[in-house]
Amino acid sequence: VKHVRSHPELRTHHQERAATLKRLLGDAGFPVMPSVSHIVP
Protein backbone atom coordinates (compact mmCIF):
# COMPACT_ATOMS: atom_id res chain seq x y z
CA VAL A 1 0.00 0.00 0.00
CA LYS A 2 2.79 2.42 0.90
CA HIS A 3 4.67 1.65 -2.31
CA VAL A 4 1.65 1.99 -4.58
CA ARG A 5 0.61 5.25 -2.92
CA SER A 6 4.01 6.80 -3.60
CA HIS A 7 4.45 5.54 -7.18
CA PRO A 8 1.76 7.10 -9.40
CA GLU A 9 3.77 6.12 -12.47
CA LEU A 10 2.55 2.55 -11.90
CA ARG A 11 -1.02 3.72 -12.50
CA THR A 12 -0.05 5.76 -15.54
CA HIS A 13 1.78 2.82 -17.13
CA HIS A 14 -1.06 0.46 -16.27
CA GLN A 15 -3.60 2.64 -18.05
CA GLU A 16 -1.31 2.97 -21.08
CA ARG A 17 -0.94 -0.81 -21.34
CA ALA A 18 -4.72 -1.33 -21.19
CA ALA A 19 -5.35 1.36 -23.80
CA THR A 20 -2.67 -0.11 -26.07
CA LEU A 21 -4.12 -3.61 -25.93
CA LYS A 22 -7.65 -2.32 -26.62
CA ARG A 23 -6.34 -0.44 -29.65
CA LEU A 24 -4.37 -3.40 -31.00
CA LEU A 25 -7.27 -5.82 -30.62
CA GLY A 26 -9.78 -3.35 -32.04
CA ASP A 27 -7.59 -2.51 -35.04
CA ALA A 28 -7.28 -6.24 -35.77
CA GLY A 29 -11.06 -6.61 -35.78
CA PHE A 30 -11.57 -8.56 -32.59
CA PRO A 31 -14.90 -7.98 -30.78
CA VAL A 32 -13.59 -5.90 -27.88
CA MET A 33 -16.46 -4.97 -25.59
CA PRO A 34 -16.76 -1.29 -24.56
CA SER A 35 -14.72 -0.57 -21.43
CA VAL A 36 -13.63 2.70 -19.86
CA SER A 37 -11.26 0.99 -17.46
CA HIS A 38 -8.27 -1.35 -17.42
CA ILE A 39 -10.48 -4.38 -18.09
CA VAL A 40 -10.26 -5.63 -21.70
CA PRO A 41 -13.16 -8.04 -22.41
Full PDB file with SEQRES, HELIX, SHEET, SSBOND, CRYST1, ORIGX, SCALE, CONECT and MASTER records, all heavy atoms in Angstrom:
SEQRES   1 A   41  VAL LYS HIS VAL ARG SER HIS PRO GLU LEU ARG THR HIS          
SEQRES   2 A   41  HIS GLN GLU ARG ALA ALA THR LEU LYS ARG LEU LEU GLY          
SEQRES   3 A   41  ASP ALA GLY PHE PRO VAL MET PRO SER VAL SER HIS ILE          
SEQRES   4 A   41  VAL PRO                                                      
HELIX    1 AA1 LYS A    2  ARG A    5  1                                   4    
HELIX    2 AA2 PRO A    8  ASP A   27  1                                  20    
CRYST1    1.000    1.000    1.000  90.00  90.00  90.00 P 1           1          
ORIGX1      1.000000  0.000000  0.000000        0.00000                         
ORIGX2      0.000000  1.000000  0.000000        0.00000                         
ORIGX3      0.000000  0.000000  1.000000        0.00000                         
SCALE1      1.000000  0.000000  0.000000        0.00000                         
SCALE2      0.000000  1.000000  0.000000        0.00000                         
SCALE3      0.000000  0.000000  1.000000        0.00000                         
ATOM      1  N   VAL A   1       0.839  -1.203   0.000  1.00  0.00           N  
ATOM      2  CA  VAL A   1       0.000   0.000   0.000  1.00  0.00           C  
ATOM      3  C   VAL A   1       0.873   1.253   0.000  1.00  0.00           C  
ATOM      4  O   VAL A   1       0.644   2.196  -0.772  1.00  0.00           O  
ATOM      5  CB  VAL A   1      -0.958   0.003   1.207  1.00  0.00           C  
ATOM      6  CG1 VAL A   1      -1.708   1.331   1.296  1.00  0.00           C  
ATOM      7  CG2 VAL A   1      -1.954  -1.155   1.101  1.00  0.00           C  
ATOM      8  N   LYS A   2       1.888   1.257   0.843  1.00  0.00           N  
ATOM      9  CA  LYS A   2       2.788   2.416   0.896  1.00  0.00           C  
ATOM     10  C   LYS A   2       3.499   2.632  -0.437  1.00  0.00           C  
ATOM     11  O   LYS A   2       3.634   3.772  -0.914  1.00  0.00           O  
ATOM     12  CB  LYS A   2       3.812   2.230   2.015  1.00  0.00           C  
ATOM     13  CG  LYS A   2       3.241   2.373   3.420  1.00  0.00           C  
ATOM     14  CD  LYS A   2       4.343   2.236   4.466  1.00  0.00           C  
ATOM     15  CE  LYS A   2       3.822   2.518   5.866  1.00  0.00           C  
ATOM     16  NZ  LYS A   2       4.889   2.409   6.888  1.00  0.00           N  
ATOM     17  N   HIS A   3       3.951   1.548  -1.040  1.00  0.00           N  
ATOM     18  CA  HIS A   3       4.673   1.648  -2.309  1.00  0.00           C  
ATOM     19  C   HIS A   3       3.763   2.164  -3.423  1.00  0.00           C  
ATOM     20  O   HIS A   3       4.135   3.077  -4.177  1.00  0.00           O  
ATOM     21  CB  HIS A   3       5.237   0.273  -2.690  1.00  0.00           C  
ATOM     22  CG  HIS A   3       6.079   0.279  -3.922  1.00  0.00           C  
ATOM     23  ND1 HIS A   3       7.442   0.500  -3.901  1.00  0.00           N  
ATOM     24  CD2 HIS A   3       5.756   0.107  -5.237  1.00  0.00           C  
ATOM     25  CE1 HIS A   3       7.923   0.459  -5.136  1.00  0.00           C  
ATOM     26  NE2 HIS A   3       6.907   0.217  -5.955  1.00  0.00           N  
ATOM     27  N   VAL A   4       2.583   1.592  -3.521  1.00  0.00           N  
ATOM     28  CA  VAL A   4       1.650   1.989  -4.577  1.00  0.00           C  
ATOM     29  C   VAL A   4       1.214   3.441  -4.407  1.00  0.00           C  
ATOM     30  O   VAL A   4       1.079   4.187  -5.386  1.00  0.00           O  
ATOM     31  CB  VAL A   4       0.438   1.030  -4.598  1.00  0.00           C  
ATOM     32  CG1 VAL A   4      -0.672   1.564  -5.489  1.00  0.00           C  
ATOM     33  CG2 VAL A   4       0.869  -0.358  -5.076  1.00  0.00           C  
ATOM     34  N   ARG A   5       0.996   3.859  -3.166  1.00  0.00           N  
ATOM     35  CA  ARG A   5       0.606   5.254  -2.917  1.00  0.00           C  
ATOM     36  C   ARG A   5       1.659   6.230  -3.426  1.00  0.00           C  
ATOM     37  O   ARG A   5       1.321   7.308  -3.939  1.00  0.00           O  
ATOM     38  CB  ARG A   5       0.403   5.497  -1.413  1.00  0.00           C  
ATOM     39  CG  ARG A   5      -0.802   4.834  -0.821  1.00  0.00           C  
ATOM     40  CD  ARG A   5      -0.978   5.208   0.652  1.00  0.00           C  
ATOM     41  NE  ARG A   5      -1.457   6.578   0.820  1.00  0.00           N  
ATOM     42  CZ  ARG A   5      -1.731   7.135   1.996  1.00  0.00           C  
ATOM     43  NH1 ARG A   5      -1.551   6.435   3.115  1.00  0.00           N  
ATOM     44  NH2 ARG A   5      -2.179   8.374   2.064  1.00  0.00           N  
ATOM     45  N   SER A   6       2.915   5.867  -3.282  1.00  0.00           N  
ATOM     46  CA  SER A   6       4.008   6.800  -3.600  1.00  0.00           C  
ATOM     47  C   SER A   6       4.573   6.631  -5.006  1.00  0.00           C  
ATOM     48  O   SER A   6       5.547   7.300  -5.363  1.00  0.00           O  
ATOM     49  CB  SER A   6       5.138   6.641  -2.573  1.00  0.00           C  
ATOM     50  OG  SER A   6       5.667   5.324  -2.609  1.00  0.00           O  
ATOM     51  N   HIS A   7       3.967   5.764  -5.818  1.00  0.00           N  
ATOM     52  CA  HIS A   7       4.451   5.541  -7.180  1.00  0.00           C  
ATOM     53  C   HIS A   7       3.297   5.664  -8.180  1.00  0.00           C  
ATOM     54  O   HIS A   7       2.823   4.670  -8.735  1.00  0.00           O  
ATOM     55  CB  HIS A   7       5.121   4.165  -7.302  1.00  0.00           C  
ATOM     56  CG  HIS A   7       6.454   4.087  -6.633  1.00  0.00           C  
ATOM     57  ND1 HIS A   7       6.602   3.923  -5.274  1.00  0.00           N  
ATOM     58  CD2 HIS A   7       7.714   4.174  -7.142  1.00  0.00           C  
ATOM     59  CE1 HIS A   7       7.888   3.896  -4.976  1.00  0.00           C  
ATOM     60  NE2 HIS A   7       8.583   4.050  -6.080  1.00  0.00           N  
ATOM     61  N   PRO A   8       2.873   6.902  -8.449  1.00  0.00           N  
ATOM     62  CA  PRO A   8       1.761   7.095  -9.396  1.00  0.00           C  
ATOM     63  C   PRO A   8       2.096   6.661 -10.814  1.00  0.00           C  
ATOM     64  O   PRO A   8       1.189   6.405 -11.613  1.00  0.00           O  
ATOM     65  CB  PRO A   8       1.504   8.609  -9.324  1.00  0.00           C  
ATOM     66  CG  PRO A   8       2.782   9.197  -8.822  1.00  0.00           C  
ATOM     67  CD  PRO A   8       3.345   8.184  -7.878  1.00  0.00           C  
ATOM     68  N   GLU A   9       3.390   6.547 -11.119  1.00  0.00           N  
ATOM     69  CA  GLU A   9       3.768   6.117 -12.473  1.00  0.00           C  
ATOM     70  C   GLU A   9       3.295   4.695 -12.756  1.00  0.00           C  
ATOM     71  O   GLU A   9       3.100   4.317 -13.927  1.00  0.00           O  
ATOM     72  CB  GLU A   9       5.288   6.225 -12.668  1.00  0.00           C  
ATOM     73  CG  GLU A   9       6.136   5.209 -11.911  1.00  0.00           C  
ATOM     74  CD  GLU A   9       6.394   5.579 -10.455  1.00  0.00           C  
ATOM     75  OE1 GLU A   9       5.853   6.601  -9.988  1.00  0.00           O  
ATOM     76  OE2 GLU A   9       7.162   4.840  -9.800  1.00  0.00           O  
ATOM     77  N   LEU A  10       3.103   3.892 -11.703  1.00  0.00           N  
ATOM     78  CA  LEU A  10       2.549   2.551 -11.899  1.00  0.00           C  
ATOM     79  C   LEU A  10       1.148   2.626 -12.501  1.00  0.00           C  
ATOM     80  O   LEU A  10       0.807   1.870 -13.419  1.00  0.00           O  
ATOM     81  CB  LEU A  10       2.478   1.801 -10.566  1.00  0.00           C  
ATOM     82  CG  LEU A  10       3.783   1.291  -9.960  1.00  0.00           C  
ATOM     83  CD1 LEU A  10       3.531   0.767  -8.548  1.00  0.00           C  
ATOM     84  CD2 LEU A  10       4.381   0.195 -10.829  1.00  0.00           C  
ATOM     85  N   ARG A  11       0.339   3.561 -11.989  1.00  0.00           N  
ATOM     86  CA  ARG A  11      -1.024   3.718 -12.495  1.00  0.00           C  
ATOM     87  C   ARG A  11      -1.024   4.265 -13.922  1.00  0.00           C  
ATOM     88  O   ARG A  11      -1.815   3.824 -14.761  1.00  0.00           O  
ATOM     89  CB  ARG A  11      -1.823   4.631 -11.560  1.00  0.00           C  
ATOM     90  CG  ARG A  11      -2.181   3.953 -10.242  1.00  0.00           C  
ATOM     91  CD  ARG A  11      -2.931   4.848  -9.285  1.00  0.00           C  
ATOM     92  NE  ARG A  11      -2.065   5.803  -8.599  1.00  0.00           N  
ATOM     93  CZ  ARG A  11      -1.239   5.489  -7.611  1.00  0.00           C  
ATOM     94  NH1 ARG A  11      -1.137   4.235  -7.221  1.00  0.00           N  
ATOM     95  NH2 ARG A  11      -0.501   6.405  -7.016  1.00  0.00           N  
ATOM     96  N   THR A  12      -0.136   5.196 -14.191  1.00  0.00           N  
ATOM     97  CA  THR A  12      -0.046   5.757 -15.540  1.00  0.00           C  
ATOM     98  C   THR A  12       0.324   4.685 -16.555  1.00  0.00           C  
ATOM     99  O   THR A  12      -0.290   4.567 -17.623  1.00  0.00           O  
ATOM    100  CB  THR A  12       0.996   6.890 -15.574  1.00  0.00           C  
ATOM    101  OG1 THR A  12       0.622   7.901 -14.635  1.00  0.00           O  
ATOM    102  CG2 THR A  12       1.089   7.504 -16.956  1.00  0.00           C  
ATOM    103  N   HIS A  13       1.329   3.889 -16.222  1.00  0.00           N  
ATOM    104  CA  HIS A  13       1.782   2.825 -17.125  1.00  0.00           C  
ATOM    105  C   HIS A  13       0.708   1.762 -17.295  1.00  0.00           C  
ATOM    106  O   HIS A  13       0.487   1.245 -18.403  1.00  0.00           O  
ATOM    107  CB  HIS A  13       3.079   2.212 -16.582  1.00  0.00           C  
ATOM    108  CG  HIS A  13       3.795   1.356 -17.576  1.00  0.00           C  
ATOM    109  ND1 HIS A  13       4.843   0.529 -17.235  1.00  0.00           N  
ATOM    110  CD2 HIS A  13       3.612   1.169 -18.912  1.00  0.00           C  
ATOM    111  CE1 HIS A  13       5.272  -0.105 -18.304  1.00  0.00           C  
ATOM    112  NE2 HIS A  13       4.539   0.256 -19.331  1.00  0.00           N  
ATOM    113  N   HIS A  14       0.010   1.446 -16.215  1.00  0.00           N  
ATOM    114  CA  HIS A  14      -1.059   0.457 -16.271  1.00  0.00           C  
ATOM    115  C   HIS A  14      -2.154   0.886 -17.240  1.00  0.00           C  
ATOM    116  O   HIS A  14      -2.617   0.091 -18.076  1.00  0.00           O  
ATOM    117  CB  HIS A  14      -1.626   0.270 -14.861  1.00  0.00           C  
ATOM    118  CG  HIS A  14      -2.707  -0.757 -14.777  1.00  0.00           C  
ATOM    119  ND1 HIS A  14      -3.913  -0.508 -14.165  1.00  0.00           N  
ATOM    120  CD2 HIS A  14      -2.768  -2.037 -15.221  1.00  0.00           C  
ATOM    121  CE1 HIS A  14      -4.669  -1.587 -14.229  1.00  0.00           C  
ATOM    122  NE2 HIS A  14      -4.010  -2.526 -14.862  1.00  0.00           N  
ATOM    123  N   GLN A  15      -2.560   2.133 -17.152  1.00  0.00           N  
ATOM    124  CA  GLN A  15      -3.599   2.637 -18.046  1.00  0.00           C  
ATOM    125  C   GLN A  15      -3.125   2.639 -19.501  1.00  0.00           C  
ATOM    126  O   GLN A  15      -3.897   2.329 -20.420  1.00  0.00           O  
ATOM    127  CB  GLN A  15      -4.029   4.042 -17.615  1.00  0.00           C  
ATOM    128  CG  GLN A  15      -4.789   4.083 -16.296  1.00  0.00           C  
ATOM    129  CD  GLN A  15      -6.121   3.363 -16.359  1.00  0.00           C  
ATOM    130  OE1 GLN A  15      -6.862   3.474 -17.331  1.00  0.00           O  
ATOM    131  NE2 GLN A  15      -6.433   2.601 -15.321  1.00  0.00           N  
ATOM    132  N   GLU A  16      -1.860   2.977 -19.707  1.00  0.00           N  
ATOM    133  CA  GLU A  16      -1.313   2.969 -21.078  1.00  0.00           C  
ATOM    134  C   GLU A  16      -1.329   1.571 -21.664  1.00  0.00           C  
ATOM    135  O   GLU A  16      -1.670   1.375 -22.836  1.00  0.00           O  
ATOM    136  CB  GLU A  16       0.113   3.527 -21.053  1.00  0.00           C  
ATOM    137  CG  GLU A  16       0.796   3.565 -22.423  1.00  0.00           C  
ATOM    138  CD  GLU A  16       1.450   2.241 -22.798  1.00  0.00           C  
ATOM    139  OE1 GLU A  16       2.021   1.576 -21.903  1.00  0.00           O  
ATOM    140  OE2 GLU A  16       1.375   1.863 -23.995  1.00  0.00           O  
ATOM    141  N   ARG A  17      -0.960   0.572 -20.854  1.00  0.00           N  
ATOM    142  CA  ARG A  17      -0.935  -0.811 -21.336  1.00  0.00           C  
ATOM    143  C   ARG A  17      -2.346  -1.276 -21.726  1.00  0.00           C  
ATOM    144  O   ARG A  17      -2.537  -1.945 -22.754  1.00  0.00           O  
ATOM    145  CB  ARG A  17      -0.355  -1.746 -20.279  1.00  0.00           C  
ATOM    146  CG  ARG A  17       1.124  -1.554 -19.978  1.00  0.00           C  
ATOM    147  CD  ARG A  17       2.025  -2.134 -21.077  1.00  0.00           C  
ATOM    148  NE  ARG A  17       2.114  -1.274 -22.243  1.00  0.00           N  
ATOM    149  CZ  ARG A  17       2.663  -1.650 -23.403  1.00  0.00           C  
ATOM    150  NH1 ARG A  17       3.143  -2.862 -23.551  1.00  0.00           N  
ATOM    151  NH2 ARG A  17       2.707  -0.810 -24.421  1.00  0.00           N  
ATOM    152  N   ALA A  18      -3.333  -0.945 -20.894  1.00  0.00           N  
ATOM    153  CA  ALA A  18      -4.716  -1.334 -21.191  1.00  0.00           C  
ATOM    154  C   ALA A  18      -5.203  -0.656 -22.466  1.00  0.00           C  
ATOM    155  O   ALA A  18      -5.830  -1.304 -23.327  1.00  0.00           O  
ATOM    156  CB  ALA A  18      -5.622  -0.987 -20.021  1.00  0.00           C  
ATOM    157  N   ALA A  19      -4.923   0.629 -22.604  1.00  0.00           N  
ATOM    158  CA  ALA A  19      -5.348   1.359 -23.801  1.00  0.00           C  
ATOM    159  C   ALA A  19      -4.671   0.802 -25.050  1.00  0.00           C  
ATOM    160  O   ALA A  19      -5.295   0.679 -26.118  1.00  0.00           O  
ATOM    161  CB  ALA A  19      -5.033   2.845 -23.645  1.00  0.00           C  
ATOM    162  N   THR A  20      -3.400   0.443 -24.931  1.00  0.00           N  
ATOM    163  CA  THR A  20      -2.672  -0.106 -26.072  1.00  0.00           C  
ATOM    164  C   THR A  20      -3.266  -1.435 -26.513  1.00  0.00           C  
ATOM    165  O   THR A  20      -3.454  -1.681 -27.716  1.00  0.00           O  
ATOM    166  CB  THR A  20      -1.176  -0.277 -25.722  1.00  0.00           C  
ATOM    167  OG1 THR A  20      -0.620   1.008 -25.455  1.00  0.00           O  
ATOM    168  CG2 THR A  20      -0.409  -0.931 -26.871  1.00  0.00           C  
ATOM    169  N   LEU A  21      -3.561  -2.315 -25.556  1.00  0.00           N  
ATOM    170  CA  LEU A  21      -4.124  -3.608 -25.928  1.00  0.00           C  
ATOM    171  C   LEU A  21      -5.507  -3.447 -26.559  1.00  0.00           C  
ATOM    172  O   LEU A  21      -5.817  -4.124 -27.557  1.00  0.00           O  
ATOM    173  CB  LEU A  21      -4.212  -4.524 -24.701  1.00  0.00           C  
ATOM    174  CG  LEU A  21      -4.720  -5.941 -24.995  1.00  0.00           C  
ATOM    175  CD1 LEU A  21      -3.796  -6.654 -25.981  1.00  0.00           C  
ATOM    176  CD2 LEU A  21      -4.870  -6.753 -23.721  1.00  0.00           C  
ATOM    177  N   LYS A  22      -6.338  -2.562 -26.010  1.00  0.00           N  
ATOM    178  CA  LYS A  22      -7.646  -2.317 -26.624  1.00  0.00           C  
ATOM    179  C   LYS A  22      -7.493  -1.869 -28.072  1.00  0.00           C  
ATOM    180  O   LYS A  22      -8.216  -2.324 -28.965  1.00  0.00           O  
ATOM    181  CB  LYS A  22      -8.409  -1.253 -25.829  1.00  0.00           C  
ATOM    182  CG  LYS A  22      -8.908  -1.692 -24.480  1.00  0.00           C  
ATOM    183  CD  LYS A  22      -9.574  -0.508 -23.776  1.00  0.00           C  
ATOM    184  CE  LYS A  22      -9.879  -0.800 -22.337  1.00  0.00           C  
ATOM    185  NZ  LYS A  22     -10.419   0.366 -21.622  1.00  0.00           N  
ATOM    186  N   ARG A  23      -6.547  -0.962 -28.294  1.00  0.00           N  
ATOM    187  CA  ARG A  23      -6.336  -0.436 -29.647  1.00  0.00           C  
ATOM    188  C   ARG A  23      -5.860  -1.533 -30.593  1.00  0.00           C  
ATOM    189  O   ARG A  23      -6.370  -1.662 -31.716  1.00  0.00           O  
ATOM    190  CB  ARG A  23      -5.325   0.705 -29.610  1.00  0.00           C  
ATOM    191  CG  ARG A  23      -4.943   1.253 -30.993  1.00  0.00           C  
ATOM    192  CD  ARG A  23      -3.985   2.418 -30.890  1.00  0.00           C  
ATOM    193  NE  ARG A  23      -2.788   2.097 -30.139  1.00  0.00           N  
ATOM    194  CZ  ARG A  23      -1.750   1.401 -30.629  1.00  0.00           C  
ATOM    195  NH1 ARG A  23      -1.783   0.941 -31.868  1.00  0.00           N  
ATOM    196  NH2 ARG A  23      -0.691   1.173 -29.878  1.00  0.00           N  
ATOM    197  N   LEU A  24      -4.905  -2.332 -30.157  1.00  0.00           N  
ATOM    198  CA  LEU A  24      -4.375  -3.403 -31.004  1.00  0.00           C  
ATOM    199  C   LEU A  24      -5.450  -4.425 -31.353  1.00  0.00           C  
ATOM    200  O   LEU A  24      -5.576  -4.839 -32.515  1.00  0.00           O  
ATOM    201  CB  LEU A  24      -3.208  -4.093 -30.301  1.00  0.00           C  
ATOM    202  CG  LEU A  24      -1.916  -3.283 -30.154  1.00  0.00           C  
ATOM    203  CD1 LEU A  24      -0.913  -4.035 -29.276  1.00  0.00           C  
ATOM    204  CD2 LEU A  24      -1.302  -2.987 -31.522  1.00  0.00           C  
ATOM    205  N   LEU A  25      -6.223  -4.833 -30.369  1.00  0.00           N  
ATOM    206  CA  LEU A  25      -7.268  -5.817 -30.618  1.00  0.00           C  
ATOM    207  C   LEU A  25      -8.371  -5.235 -31.503  1.00  0.00           C  
ATOM    208  O   LEU A  25      -8.871  -5.907 -32.417  1.00  0.00           O  
ATOM    209  CB  LEU A  25      -7.865  -6.299 -29.295  1.00  0.00           C  
ATOM    210  CG  LEU A  25      -6.946  -7.128 -28.391  1.00  0.00           C  
ATOM    211  CD1 LEU A  25      -7.632  -7.409 -27.054  1.00  0.00           C  
ATOM    212  CD2 LEU A  25      -6.552  -8.441 -29.060  1.00  0.00           C  
ATOM    213  N   GLY A  26      -8.750  -3.994 -31.238  1.00  0.00           N  
ATOM    214  CA  GLY A  26      -9.777  -3.351 -32.044  1.00  0.00           C  
ATOM    215  C   GLY A  26      -9.341  -3.156 -33.483  1.00  0.00           C  
ATOM    216  O   GLY A  26     -10.112  -3.421 -34.421  1.00  0.00           O  
ATOM    217  N   ASP A  27      -8.104  -2.720 -33.684  1.00  0.00           N  
ATOM    218  CA  ASP A  27      -7.588  -2.513 -35.043  1.00  0.00           C  
ATOM    219  C   ASP A  27      -7.540  -3.823 -35.826  1.00  0.00           C  
ATOM    220  O   ASP A  27      -7.668  -3.831 -37.059  1.00  0.00           O  
ATOM    221  CB  ASP A  27      -6.191  -1.890 -34.997  1.00  0.00           C  
ATOM    222  CG  ASP A  27      -6.208  -0.434 -34.555  1.00  0.00           C  
ATOM    223  OD1 ASP A  27      -7.315   0.145 -34.478  1.00  0.00           O  
ATOM    224  OD2 ASP A  27      -5.124   0.116 -34.267  1.00  0.00           O  
ATOM    225  N   ALA A  28      -7.338  -4.936 -35.103  1.00  0.00           N  
ATOM    226  CA  ALA A  28      -7.278  -6.242 -35.766  1.00  0.00           C  
ATOM    227  C   ALA A  28      -8.661  -6.845 -35.996  1.00  0.00           C  
ATOM    228  O   ALA A  28      -8.783  -7.912 -36.600  1.00  0.00           O  
ATOM    229  CB  ALA A  28      -6.423  -7.199 -34.938  1.00  0.00           C  
ATOM    230  N   GLY A  29      -9.696  -6.163 -35.525  1.00  0.00           N  
ATOM    231  CA  GLY A  29     -11.060  -6.611 -35.782  1.00  0.00           C  
ATOM    232  C   GLY A  29     -11.655  -7.541 -34.756  1.00  0.00           C  
ATOM    233  O   GLY A  29     -12.719  -8.125 -34.989  1.00  0.00           O  
ATOM    234  N   PHE A  30     -11.007  -7.695 -33.620  1.00  0.00           N  
ATOM    235  CA  PHE A  30     -11.571  -8.558 -32.588  1.00  0.00           C  
ATOM    236  C   PHE A  30     -12.716  -7.839 -31.863  1.00  0.00           C  
ATOM    237  O   PHE A  30     -12.682  -6.609 -31.710  1.00  0.00           O  
ATOM    238  CB  PHE A  30     -10.487  -8.982 -31.589  1.00  0.00           C  
ATOM    239  CG  PHE A  30      -9.479  -9.930 -32.170  1.00  0.00           C  
ATOM    240  CD1 PHE A  30      -8.232  -9.484 -32.572  1.00  0.00           C  
ATOM    241  CD2 PHE A  30      -9.786 -11.267 -32.336  1.00  0.00           C  
ATOM    242  CE1 PHE A  30      -7.304 -10.347 -33.121  1.00  0.00           C  
ATOM    243  CE2 PHE A  30      -8.866 -12.149 -32.890  1.00  0.00           C  
ATOM    244  CZ  PHE A  30      -7.622 -11.685 -33.287  1.00  0.00           C  
ATOM    245  N   PRO A  31     -13.717  -8.593 -31.400  1.00  0.00           N  
ATOM    246  CA  PRO A  31     -14.900  -7.977 -30.775  1.00  0.00           C  
ATOM    247  C   PRO A  31     -14.633  -7.522 -29.346  1.00  0.00           C  
ATOM    248  O   PRO A  31     -15.129  -8.116 -28.379  1.00  0.00           O  
ATOM    249  CB  PRO A  31     -15.943  -9.093 -30.835  1.00  0.00           C  
ATOM    250  CG  PRO A  31     -15.133 -10.353 -30.794  1.00  0.00           C  
ATOM    251  CD  PRO A  31     -13.870 -10.057 -31.551  1.00  0.00           C  
ATOM    252  N   VAL A  32     -13.877  -6.451 -29.196  1.00  0.00           N  
ATOM    253  CA  VAL A  32     -13.585  -5.896 -27.877  1.00  0.00           C  
ATOM    254  C   VAL A  32     -14.838  -5.192 -27.357  1.00  0.00           C  
ATOM    255  O   VAL A  32     -15.389  -4.316 -28.029  1.00  0.00           O  
ATOM    256  CB  VAL A  32     -12.401  -4.910 -27.939  1.00  0.00           C  
ATOM    257  CG1 VAL A  32     -12.101  -4.353 -26.548  1.00  0.00           C  
ATOM    258  CG2 VAL A  32     -11.173  -5.585 -28.519  1.00  0.00           C  
ATOM    259  N   MET A  33     -15.271  -5.581 -26.173  1.00  0.00           N  
ATOM    260  CA  MET A  33     -16.457  -4.968 -25.590  1.00  0.00           C  
ATOM    261  C   MET A  33     -16.105  -3.580 -25.052  1.00  0.00           C  
ATOM    262  O   MET A  33     -14.980  -3.346 -24.617  1.00  0.00           O  
ATOM    263  CB  MET A  33     -17.000  -5.861 -24.475  1.00  0.00           C  
ATOM    264  CG  MET A  33     -17.380  -7.247 -24.949  1.00  0.00           C  
ATOM    265  SD  MET A  33     -17.754  -8.404 -23.599  1.00  0.00           S  
ATOM    266  CE  MET A  33     -19.265  -7.689 -22.941  1.00  0.00           C  
ATOM    267  N   PRO A  34     -17.050  -2.644 -25.075  1.00  0.00           N  
ATOM    268  CA  PRO A  34     -16.763  -1.295 -24.560  1.00  0.00           C  
ATOM    269  C   PRO A  34     -16.313  -1.334 -23.110  1.00  0.00           C  
ATOM    270  O   PRO A  34     -16.919  -2.014 -22.282  1.00  0.00           O  
ATOM    271  CB  PRO A  34     -18.110  -0.570 -24.702  1.00  0.00           C  
ATOM    272  CG  PRO A  34     -18.867  -1.356 -25.727  1.00  0.00           C  
ATOM    273  CD  PRO A  34     -18.430  -2.777 -25.574  1.00  0.00           C  
ATOM    274  N   SER A  35     -15.246  -0.611 -22.790  1.00  0.00           N  
ATOM    275  CA  SER A  35     -14.718  -0.571 -21.432  1.00  0.00           C  
ATOM    276  C   SER A  35     -13.987   0.745 -21.238  1.00  0.00           C  
ATOM    277  O   SER A  35     -13.153   1.118 -22.071  1.00  0.00           O  
ATOM    278  CB  SER A  35     -13.763  -1.746 -21.191  1.00  0.00           C  
ATOM    279  OG  SER A  35     -13.013  -1.559 -20.009  1.00  0.00           O  
ATOM    280  N   VAL A  36     -14.297   1.423 -20.150  1.00  0.00           N  
ATOM    281  CA  VAL A  36     -13.634   2.698 -19.860  1.00  0.00           C  
ATOM    282  C   VAL A  36     -12.544   2.520 -18.812  1.00  0.00           C  
ATOM    283  O   VAL A  36     -12.009   3.491 -18.293  1.00  0.00           O  
ATOM    284  CB  VAL A  36     -14.652   3.755 -19.385  1.00  0.00           C  
ATOM    285  CG1 VAL A  36     -15.645   4.085 -20.492  1.00  0.00           C  
ATOM    286  CG2 VAL A  36     -15.373   3.290 -18.123  1.00  0.00           C  
ATOM    287  N   SER A  37     -12.223   1.263 -18.514  1.00  0.00           N  
ATOM    288  CA  SER A  37     -11.258   0.988 -17.457  1.00  0.00           C  
ATOM    289  C   SER A  37     -10.122   0.118 -17.990  1.00  0.00           C  
ATOM    290  O   SER A  37      -9.930  -0.017 -19.195  1.00  0.00           O  
ATOM    291  CB  SER A  37     -11.959   0.291 -16.281  1.00  0.00           C  
ATOM    292  OG  SER A  37     -12.365  -1.022 -16.660  1.00  0.00           O  
ATOM    293  N   HIS A  38      -9.402  -0.496 -17.066  1.00  0.00           N  
ATOM    294  CA  HIS A  38      -8.271  -1.348 -17.419  1.00  0.00           C  
ATOM    295  C   HIS A  38      -8.693  -2.750 -17.829  1.00  0.00           C  
ATOM    296  O   HIS A  38      -7.857  -3.552 -18.244  1.00  0.00           O  
ATOM    297  CB  HIS A  38      -7.317  -1.453 -16.223  1.00  0.00           C  
ATOM    298  CG  HIS A  38      -7.956  -2.063 -15.005  1.00  0.00           C  
ATOM    299  ND1 HIS A  38      -8.808  -1.356 -14.184  1.00  0.00           N  
ATOM    300  CD2 HIS A  38      -7.887  -3.313 -14.480  1.00  0.00           C  
ATOM    301  CE1 HIS A  38      -9.228  -2.138 -13.204  1.00  0.00           C  
ATOM    302  NE2 HIS A  38      -8.686  -3.334 -13.360  1.00  0.00           N  
ATOM    303  N   ILE A  39      -9.963  -3.074 -17.707  1.00  0.00           N  
ATOM    304  CA  ILE A  39     -10.480  -4.381 -18.091  1.00  0.00           C  
ATOM    305  C   ILE A  39     -10.664  -4.420 -19.604  1.00  0.00           C  
ATOM    306  O   ILE A  39     -11.254  -3.510 -20.192  1.00  0.00           O  
ATOM    307  CB  ILE A  39     -11.821  -4.684 -17.400  1.00  0.00           C  
ATOM    308  CG1 ILE A  39     -11.700  -4.514 -15.867  1.00  0.00           C  
ATOM    309  CG2 ILE A  39     -12.325  -6.069 -17.767  1.00  0.00           C  
ATOM    310  CD1 ILE A  39     -10.748  -5.469 -15.204  1.00  0.00           C  
ATOM    311  N   VAL A  40     -10.169  -5.508 -20.244  1.00  0.00           N  
ATOM    312  CA  VAL A  40     -10.265  -5.628 -21.703  1.00  0.00           C  
ATOM    313  C   VAL A  40     -11.030  -6.916 -22.027  1.00  0.00           C  
ATOM    314  O   VAL A  40     -10.433  -7.985 -22.194  1.00  0.00           O  
ATOM    315  CB  VAL A  40      -8.877  -5.653 -22.363  1.00  0.00           C  
ATOM    316  CG1 VAL A  40      -9.009  -5.649 -23.885  1.00  0.00           C  
ATOM    317  CG2 VAL A  40      -8.029  -4.467 -21.896  1.00  0.00           C  
ATOM    318  N   PRO A  41     -12.367  -6.845 -22.116  1.00  0.00           N  
ATOM    319  CA  PRO A  41     -13.158  -8.041 -22.411  1.00  0.00           C  
ATOM    320  C   PRO A  41     -13.353  -8.232 -23.918  1.00  0.00           C  
ATOM    321  O   PRO A  41     -13.641  -7.283 -24.645  1.00  0.00           O  
ATOM    322  CB  PRO A  41     -14.497  -7.747 -21.719  1.00  0.00           C  
ATOM    323  CG  PRO A  41     -14.564  -6.259 -21.589  1.00  0.00           C  
ATOM    324  CD  PRO A  41     -13.201  -5.690 -21.805  1.00  0.00           C  
TER     325      PRO A  41                                                      
MASTER        0    0    0    2    0    0    0    6  324    1    0    4          
END                                                                             
